[in-house]
Amino acid sequence: MDESITATYQAGRIELSAAVDWPDGTQVEVRPVAQSSPTTPSNTNVWPKGFFDQLRSEWGEEPFDRPAQGELEQREDW
């Protein structure tokens, strides 16, 4: 099993960020990760493994069309 998720330690409990479907008795490893600052990118993958493949299979192969967005309003300088 190579599925991992994030969790937060809050008020003496570890709260998972998503539901899991692991069998009872599954052992887990718990270790703190460094908090990222606004200038430090986070290495935490927020998308579950296979998320985009599943999404693509559910949406099908037909491409999305993005309509023209129009012209950006030109404002006066202050």
PDB file of N, CA and C in Angstrom:
ATOM      1  N   MET A   1       0.866  -1.181   0.000  1.00  0.00           N
ATOM      2  CA  MET A   1       0.000   0.000   0.000  1.00  0.00           C
ATOM      3  C   MET A   1       0.905   1.234   0.000  1.00  0.00           C
ATOM      4  N   ASP A   2       0.729   2.086  -1.025  1.00  0.00           N
ATOM      5  CA  ASP A   2       1.585   3.261  -1.146  1.00  0.00           C
ATOM      6  C   ASP A   2       0.755   4.536  -1.161  1.00  0.00           C
ATOM      7  N   GLU A   3      -0.417   4.492  -0.532  1.00  0.00           N
ATOM      8  CA  GLU A   3      -1.294   5.648  -0.477  1.00  0.00           C
ATOM      9  C   GLU A   3      -0.932   6.488   0.744  1.00  0.00           C
ATOM     10  N   SER A   4      -0.783   7.795   0.561  1.00  0.00           N
ATOM     11  CA  SER A   4      -0.503   8.650   1.705  1.00  0.00           C
ATOM     12  C   SER A   4      -1.402   9.880   1.630  1.00  0.00           C
ATOM     13  N   ILE A   5      -1.706  10.444   2.791  1.00  0.00           N
ATOM     14  CA  ILE A   5      -2.492  11.666   2.867  1.00  0.00           C
ATOM     15  C   ILE A   5      -1.858  12.563   3.920  1.00  0.00           C
ATOM     16  N   THR A   6      -2.317  13.772   4.024  1.00  0.00           N
ATOM     17  CA  THR A   6      -1.821  14.684   5.037  1.00  0.00           C
ATOM     18  C   THR A   6      -2.780  14.685   6.223  1.00  0.00           C
ATOM     19  N   ALA A   7      -2.302  15.172   7.334  1.00  0.00           N
ATOM     20  CA  ALA A   7      -3.116  15.261   8.543  1.00  0.00           C
ATOM     21  C   ALA A   7      -2.615  16.445   9.361  1.00  0.00           C
ATOM     22  N   THR A   8      -3.422  16.869  10.312  1.00  0.00           N
ATOM     23  CA  THR A   8      -3.066  17.979  11.187  1.00  0.00           C
ATOM     24  C   THR A   8      -3.239  17.542  12.637  1.00  0.00           C
ATOM     25  N   TYR A   9      -2.262  17.848  13.469  1.00  0.00           N
ATOM     26  CA  TYR A   9      -2.351  17.571  14.896  1.00  0.00           C
ATOM     27  C   TYR A   9      -3.086  18.729  15.539  1.00  0.00           C
ATOM     28  N   GLN A  10      -4.210  18.448  16.178  1.00  0.00           N
ATOM     29  CA  GLN A  10      -5.045  19.494  16.757  1.00  0.00           C
ATOM     30  C   GLN A  10      -5.644  18.982  18.058  1.00  0.00           C
ATOM     31  N   ALA A  11      -5.410  19.683  19.143  1.00  0.00           N
ATOM     32  CA  ALA A  11      -6.012  19.369  20.443  1.00  0.00           C
ATOM     33  C   ALA A  11      -5.776  17.918  20.857  1.00  0.00           C
ATOM     34  N   GLY A  12      -4.557  17.436  20.658  1.00  0.00           N
ATOM     35  CA  GLY A  12      -4.210  16.093  21.085  1.00  0.00           C
ATOM     36  C   GLY A  12      -4.653  14.981  20.157  1.00  0.00           C
ATOM     37  N   ARG A  13      -5.176  15.343  19.001  1.00  0.00           N
ATOM     38  CA  ARG A  13      -5.640  14.344  18.031  1.00  0.00           C
ATOM     39  C   ARG A  13      -5.002  14.599  16.678  1.00  0.00           C
ATOM     40  N   ILE A  14      -4.903  13.551  15.889  1.00  0.00           N
ATOM     41  CA  ILE A  14      -4.440  13.688  14.508  1.00  0.00           C
ATOM     42  C   ILE A  14      -5.667  13.601  13.617  1.00  0.00           C
ATOM     43  N   GLU A  15      -5.938  14.681  12.875  1.00  0.00           N
ATOM     44  CA  GLU A  15      -7.109  14.751  12.019  1.00  0.00           C
ATOM     45  C   GLU A  15      -6.676  14.616  10.569  1.00  0.00           C
ATOM     46  N   LEU A  16      -7.157  13.565   9.895  1.00  0.00           N
ATOM     47  CA  LEU A  16      -6.804  13.322   8.504  1.00  0.00           C
ATOM     48  C   LEU A  16      -7.469  14.352   7.602  1.00  0.00           C
ATOM     49  N   SER A  17      -6.806  14.697   6.500  1.00  0.00           N
ATOM     50  CA  SER A  17      -7.350  15.690   5.573  1.00  0.00           C
ATOM     51  C   SER A  17      -8.395  15.099   4.634  1.00  0.00           C
ATOM     52  N   ALA A  18      -8.496  13.775   4.587  1.00  0.00           N
ATOM     53  CA  ALA A  18      -9.482  13.104   3.735  1.00  0.00           C
ATOM     54  C   ALA A  18      -9.786  11.739   4.330  1.00  0.00           C
ATOM     55  N   ALA A  19     -10.887  11.177   3.905  1.00  0.00           N
ATOM     56  CA  ALA A  19     -11.244   9.827   4.357  1.00  0.00           C
ATOM     57  C   ALA A  19     -10.344   8.802   3.672  1.00  0.00           C
ATOM     58  N   VAL A  20     -10.063   7.708   4.345  1.00  0.00           N
ATOM     59  CA  VAL A  20      -9.264   6.629   3.769  1.00  0.00           C
ATOM     60  C   VAL A  20     -10.057   5.327   3.843  1.00  0.00           C
ATOM     61  N   ASP A  21      -9.723   4.407   2.984  1.00  0.00           N
ATOM     62  CA  ASP A  21     -10.398   3.109   2.971  1.00  0.00           C
ATOM     63  C   ASP A  21      -9.363   2.028   3.256  1.00  0.00           C
ATOM     64  N   TRP A  22      -8.717   2.128   4.408  1.00  0.00           N
ATOM     65  CA  TRP A  22      -7.701   1.171   4.808  1.00  0.00           C
ATOM     66  C   TRP A  22      -8.344   0.145   5.728  1.00  0.00           C
ATOM     67  N   PRO A  23      -7.900  -1.103   5.646  1.00  0.00           N
ATOM     68  CA  PRO A  23      -8.473  -2.113   6.536  1.00  0.00           C
ATOM     69  C   PRO A  23      -8.061  -1.886   7.990  1.00  0.00           C
ATOM     70  N   ASP A  24      -8.894  -2.335   8.920  1.00  0.00           N
ATOM     71  CA  ASP A  24      -8.543  -2.251  10.337  1.00  0.00           C
ATOM     72  C   ASP A  24      -7.206  -2.943  10.566  1.00  0.00           C
ATOM     73  N   GLY A  25      -6.409  -2.376  11.432  1.00  0.00           N
ATOM     74  CA  GLY A  25      -5.105  -2.953  11.746  1.00  0.00           C
ATOM     75  C   GLY A  25      -3.995  -2.444  10.856  1.00  0.00           C
ATOM     76  N   THR A  26      -4.305  -1.568   9.891  1.00  0.00           N
ATOM     77  CA  THR A  26      -3.273  -1.013   9.027  1.00  0.00           C
ATOM     78  C   THR A  26      -2.334  -0.151   9.859  1.00  0.00           C
ATOM     79  N   GLN A  27      -1.041  -0.421   9.780  1.00  0.00           N
ATOM     80  CA  GLN A  27      -0.066   0.385  10.503  1.00  0.00           C
ATOM     81  C   GLN A  27       0.251   1.646   9.699  1.00  0.00           C
ATOM     82  N   VAL A  28       0.443   2.727  10.413  1.00  0.00           N
ATOM     83  CA  VAL A  28       0.755   3.998   9.772  1.00  0.00           C
ATOM     84  C   VAL A  28       2.023   4.568  10.389  1.00  0.00           C
ATOM     85  N   GLU A  29       2.670   5.452   9.662  1.00  0.00           N
ATOM     86  CA  GLU A  29       3.848   6.152  10.159  1.00  0.00           C
ATOM     87  C   GLU A  29       3.467   7.609  10.340  1.00  0.00           C
ATOM     88  N   VAL A  30       3.753   8.167  11.486  1.00  0.00           N
ATOM     89  CA  VAL A  30       3.403   9.552  11.784  1.00  0.00           C
ATOM     90  C   VAL A  30       4.680  10.308  12.100  1.00  0.00           C
ATOM     91  N   ARG A  31       4.915  11.399  11.374  1.00  0.00           N
ATOM     92  CA  ARG A  31       6.074  12.247  11.643  1.00  0.00           C
ATOM     93  C   ARG A  31       5.734  13.672  11.221  1.00  0.00           C
ATOM     94  N   PRO A  32       6.186  14.642  11.966  1.00  0.00           N
ATOM     95  CA  PRO A  32       5.879  16.032  11.606  1.00  0.00           C
ATOM     96  C   PRO A  32       6.661  16.457  10.366  1.00  0.00           C
ATOM     97  N   VAL A  33       6.086  17.359   9.618  1.00  0.00           N
ATOM     98  CA  VAL A  33       6.758  17.938   8.458  1.00  0.00           C
ATOM     99  C   VAL A  33       6.984  19.414   8.741  1.00  0.00           C
ATOM    100  N   ALA A  34       8.006  19.964   8.125  1.00  0.00           N
ATOM    101  CA  ALA A  34       8.326  21.377   8.326  1.00  0.00           C
ATOM    102  C   ALA A  34       7.207  22.242   7.761  1.00  0.00           C
ATOM    103  N   GLN A  35       6.865  23.282   8.490  1.00  0.00           N
ATOM    104  CA  GLN A  35       5.866  24.226   8.001  1.00  0.00           C
ATOM    105  C   GLN A  35       6.487  25.062   6.893  1.00  0.00           C
ATOM    106  N   SER A  36       5.774  25.234   5.796  1.00  0.00           N
ATOM    107  CA  SER A  36       6.293  26.058   4.714  1.00  0.00           C
ATOM    108  C   SER A  36       5.882  27.506   4.949  1.00  0.00           C
ATOM    109  N   SER A  37       6.754  28.401   4.543  1.00  0.00           N
ATOM    110  CA  SER A  37       6.451  29.830   4.633  1.00  0.00           C
ATOM    111  C   SER A  37       5.984  30.297   3.261  1.00  0.00           C
ATOM    112  N   PRO A  38       5.432  31.498   3.157  1.00  0.00           N
ATOM    113  CA  PRO A  38       4.969  31.976   1.858  1.00  0.00           C
ATOM    114  C   PRO A  38       6.076  32.010   0.804  1.00  0.00           C
ATOM    115  N   THR A  39       7.331  32.103   1.236  1.00  0.00           N
ATOM    116  CA  THR A  39       8.428  32.158   0.274  1.00  0.00           C
ATOM    117  C   THR A  39       9.023  30.789   0.007  1.00  0.00           C
ATOM    118  N   THR A  40       8.605  29.769   0.759  1.00  0.00           N
ATOM    119  CA  THR A  40       9.121  28.416   0.590  1.00  0.00           C
ATOM    120  C   THR A  40       8.034  27.522   0.015  1.00  0.00           C
ATOM    121  N   PRO A  41       8.270  26.953  -1.168  1.00  0.00           N
ATOM    122  CA  PRO A  41       7.238  26.078  -1.718  1.00  0.00           C
ATOM    123  C   PRO A  41       7.072  24.821  -0.882  1.00  0.00           C
ATOM    124  N   SER A  42       5.864  24.312  -0.824  1.00  0.00           N
ATOM    125  CA  SER A  42       5.583  23.100  -0.072  1.00  0.00           C
ATOM    126  C   SER A  42       5.827  21.883  -0.943  1.00  0.00           C
ATOM    127  N   ASN A  43       6.403  20.840  -0.376  1.00  0.00           N
ATOM    128  CA  ASN A  43       6.627  19.603  -1.112  1.00  0.00           C
ATOM    129  C   ASN A  43       5.471  18.630  -0.933  1.00  0.00           C
ATOM    130  N   THR A  44       4.428  19.047  -0.236  1.00  0.00           N
ATOM    131  CA  THR A  44       3.295  18.182   0.019  1.00  0.00           C
ATOM    132  C   THR A  44       2.420  18.110  -1.225  1.00  0.00           C
ATOM    133  N   ASN A  45       2.160  16.902  -1.697  1.00  0.00           N
ATOM    134  CA  ASN A  45       1.285  16.713  -2.840  1.00  0.00           C
ATOM    135  C   ASN A  45      -0.152  16.724  -2.342  1.00  0.00           C
ATOM    136  N   VAL A  46      -0.924  17.740  -2.730  1.00  0.00           N
ATOM    137  CA  VAL A  46      -2.287  17.855  -2.231  1.00  0.00           C
ATOM    138  C   VAL A  46      -3.269  17.020  -3.039  1.00  0.00           C
ATOM    139  N   TRP A  47      -2.852  16.489  -4.183  1.00  0.00           N
ATOM    140  CA  TRP A  47      -3.719  15.665  -5.005  1.00  0.00           C
ATOM    141  C   TRP A  47      -3.400  14.203  -4.743  1.00  0.00           C
ATOM    142  N   PRO A  48      -4.406  13.384  -4.467  1.00  0.00           N
ATOM    143  CA  PRO A  48      -4.148  11.953  -4.250  1.00  0.00           C
ATOM    144  C   PRO A  48      -3.538  11.316  -5.493  1.00  0.00           C
ATOM    145  N   LYS A  49      -2.766  10.267  -5.295  1.00  0.00           N
ATOM    146  CA  LYS A  49      -2.133   9.559  -6.400  1.00  0.00           C
ATOM    147  C   LYS A  49      -3.213   9.078  -7.374  1.00  0.00           C
ATOM    148  N   GLY A  50      -3.034   9.339  -8.653  1.00  0.00           N
ATOM    149  CA  GLY A  50      -3.980   8.919  -9.682  1.00  0.00           C
ATOM    150  C   GLY A  50      -5.182   9.836  -9.854  1.00  0.00           C
ATOM    151  N   PHE A  51      -5.212  10.968  -9.136  1.00  0.00           N
ATOM    152  CA  PHE A  51      -6.361  11.877  -9.185  1.00  0.00           C
ATOM    153  C   PHE A  51      -6.649  12.360 -10.604  1.00  0.00           C
ATOM    154  N   PHE A  52      -5.619  12.839 -11.305  1.00  0.00           N
ATOM    155  CA  PHE A  52      -5.839  13.407 -12.628  1.00  0.00           C
ATOM    156  C   PHE A  52      -6.172  12.331 -13.665  1.00  0.00           C
ATOM    157  N   ASP A  53      -5.609  11.132 -13.523  1.00  0.00           N
ATOM    158  CA  ASP A  53      -5.965  10.037 -14.417  1.00  0.00           C
ATOM    159  C   ASP A  53      -7.430   9.665 -14.236  1.00  0.00           C
ATOM    160  N   GLN A  54      -7.888   9.613 -12.996  1.00  0.00           N
ATOM    161  CA  GLN A  54      -9.292   9.292 -12.722  1.00  0.00           C
ATOM    162  C   GLN A  54     -10.199  10.389 -13.262  1.00  0.00           C
ATOM    163  N   LEU A  55      -9.823  11.637 -13.057  1.00  0.00           N
ATOM    164  CA  LEU A  55     -10.614  12.759 -13.540  1.00  0.00           C
ATOM    165  C   LEU A  55     -10.722  12.718 -15.058  1.00  0.00           C
ATOM    166  N   ARG A  56      -9.611  12.465 -15.741  1.00  0.00           N
ATOM    167  CA  ARG A  56      -9.605  12.396 -17.199  1.00  0.00           C
ATOM    168  C   ARG A  56     -10.526  11.262 -17.681  1.00  0.00           C
ATOM    169  N   SER A  57     -10.490  10.103 -17.001  1.00  0.00           N
ATOM    170  CA  SER A  57     -11.337   8.989 -17.426  1.00  0.00           C
ATOM    171  C   SER A  57     -12.814   9.296 -17.196  1.00  0.00           C
ATOM    172  N   GLU A  58     -13.134  10.060 -16.153  1.00  0.00           N
ATOM    173  CA  GLU A  58     -14.533  10.403 -15.879  1.00  0.00           C
ATOM    174  C   GLU A  58     -15.065  11.460 -16.841  1.00  0.00           C
ATOM    175  N   TRP A  59     -14.214  12.393 -17.255  1.00  0.00           N
ATOM    176  CA  TRP A  59     -14.642  13.471 -18.136  1.00  0.00           C
ATOM    177  C   TRP A  59     -14.618  13.071 -19.602  1.00  0.00           C
ATOM    178  N   GLY A  60     -13.873  12.041 -19.938  1.00  0.00           N
ATOM    179  CA  GLY A  60     -13.808  11.589 -21.322  1.00  0.00           C
ATOM    180  C   GLY A  60     -12.701  12.287 -22.093  1.00  0.00           C
ATOM    181  N   GLU A  61     -12.677  12.009 -23.381  1.00  0.00           N
ATOM    182  CA  GLU A  61     -11.591  12.499 -24.234  1.00  0.00           C
ATOM    183  C   GLU A  61     -11.912  13.801 -24.952  1.00  0.00           C
ATOM    184  N   GLU A  62     -13.166  14.234 -24.898  1.00  0.00           N
ATOM    185  CA  GLU A  62     -13.540  15.438 -25.629  1.00  0.00           C
ATOM    186  C   GLU A  62     -12.861  16.664 -25.013  1.00  0.00           C
ATOM    187  N   PRO A  63     -12.180  17.476 -25.837  1.00  0.00           N
ATOM    188  CA  PRO A  63     -11.476  18.646 -25.283  1.00  0.00           C
ATOM    189  C   PRO A  63     -12.448  19.730 -24.819  1.00  0.00           C
ATOM    190  N   PHE A  64     -11.981  20.542 -23.897  1.00  0.00           N
ATOM    191  CA  PHE A  64     -12.759  21.683 -23.439  1.00  0.00           C
ATOM    192  C   PHE A  64     -12.507  22.858 -24.384  1.00  0.00           C
ATOM    193  N   ASP A  65     -13.538  23.631 -24.631  1.00  0.00           N
ATOM    194  CA  ASP A  65     -13.385  24.847 -25.421  1.00  0.00           C
ATOM    195  C   ASP A  65     -13.446  26.034 -24.478  1.00  0.00           C
ATOM    196  N   ARG A  66     -12.467  26.903 -24.595  1.00  0.00           N
ATOM    197  CA  ARG A  66     -12.482  28.131 -23.803  1.00  0.00           C
ATOM    198  C   ARG A  66     -12.914  29.269 -24.715  1.00  0.00           C
ATOM    199  N   PRO A  67     -14.070  29.865 -24.436  1.00  0.00           N
ATOM    200  CA  PRO A  67     -14.524  30.961 -25.294  1.00  0.00           C
ATOM    201  C   PRO A  67     -13.627  32.180 -25.142  1.00  0.00           C
ATOM    202  N   ALA A  68     -13.714  33.061 -26.114  1.00  0.00           N
ATOM    203  CA  ALA A  68     -12.942  34.305 -26.072  1.00  0.00           C
ATOM    204  C   ALA A  68     -13.263  35.048 -24.775  1.00  0.00           C
ATOM    205  N   GLN A  69     -12.258  35.661 -24.191  1.00  0.00           N
ATOM    206  CA  GLN A  69     -12.428  36.325 -22.898  1.00  0.00           C
ATOM    207  C   GLN A  69     -12.719  37.818 -23.024  1.00  0.00           C
ATOM    208  N   GLY A  70     -12.718  38.334 -24.231  1.00  0.00           N
ATOM    209  CA  GLY A  70     -13.006  39.757 -24.400  1.00  0.00           C
ATOM    210  C   GLY A  70     -11.760  40.596 -24.190  1.00  0.00           C
ATOM    211  N   GLU A  71     -11.936  41.878 -24.206  1.00  0.00           N
ATOM    212  CA  GLU A  71     -10.825  42.814 -24.053  1.00  0.00           C
ATOM    213  C   GLU A  71     -10.714  43.279 -22.608  1.00  0.00           C
ATOM    214  N   LEU A  72      -9.506  43.460 -22.138  1.00  0.00           N
ATOM    215  CA  LEU A  72      -9.247  43.968 -20.797  1.00  0.00           C
ATOM    216  C   LEU A  72      -9.462  45.472 -20.779  1.00  0.00           C
ATOM    217  N   GLU A  73     -10.215  45.929 -19.806  1.00  0.00           N
ATOM    218  CA  GLU A  73     -10.501  47.349 -19.673  1.00  0.00           C
ATOM    219  C   GLU A  73      -9.204  48.112 -19.395  1.00  0.00           C
ATOM    220  N   GLN A  74      -8.981  49.180 -20.131  1.00  0.00           N
ATOM    221  CA  GLN A  74      -7.815  50.036 -19.915  1.00  0.00           C
ATOM    222  C   GLN A  74      -8.212  51.167 -18.969  1.00  0.00           C
ATOM    223  N   ARG A  75      -7.536  51.235 -17.825  1.00  0.00           N
ATOM    224  CA  ARG A  75      -7.859  52.278 -16.853  1.00  0.00           C
ATOM    225  C   ARG A  75      -6.857  53.424 -16.955  1.00  0.00           C
ATOM    226  N   GLU A  76      -7.307  54.579 -16.486  1.00  0.00           N
ATOM    227  CA  GLU A  76      -6.429  55.755 -16.488  1.00  0.00           C
ATOM    228  C   GLU A  76      -5.348  55.583 -15.430  1.00  0.00           C
ATOM    229  N   ASP A  77      -4.164  56.147 -15.669  1.00  0.00           N
ATOM    230  CA  ASP A  77      -3.107  56.145 -14.657  1.00  0.00           C
ATOM    231  C   ASP A  77      -3.530  57.053 -13.506  1.00  0.00           C
ATOM    232  N   TRP A  78      -3.101  56.700 -12.323  1.00  0.00           N
ATOM    233  CA  TRP A  78      -3.433  57.484 -11.143  1.00  0.00           C
ATOM    234  C   TRP A  78      -2.500  58.620 -10.988  1.00  0.00           C
TER     235      TRP A  78
END
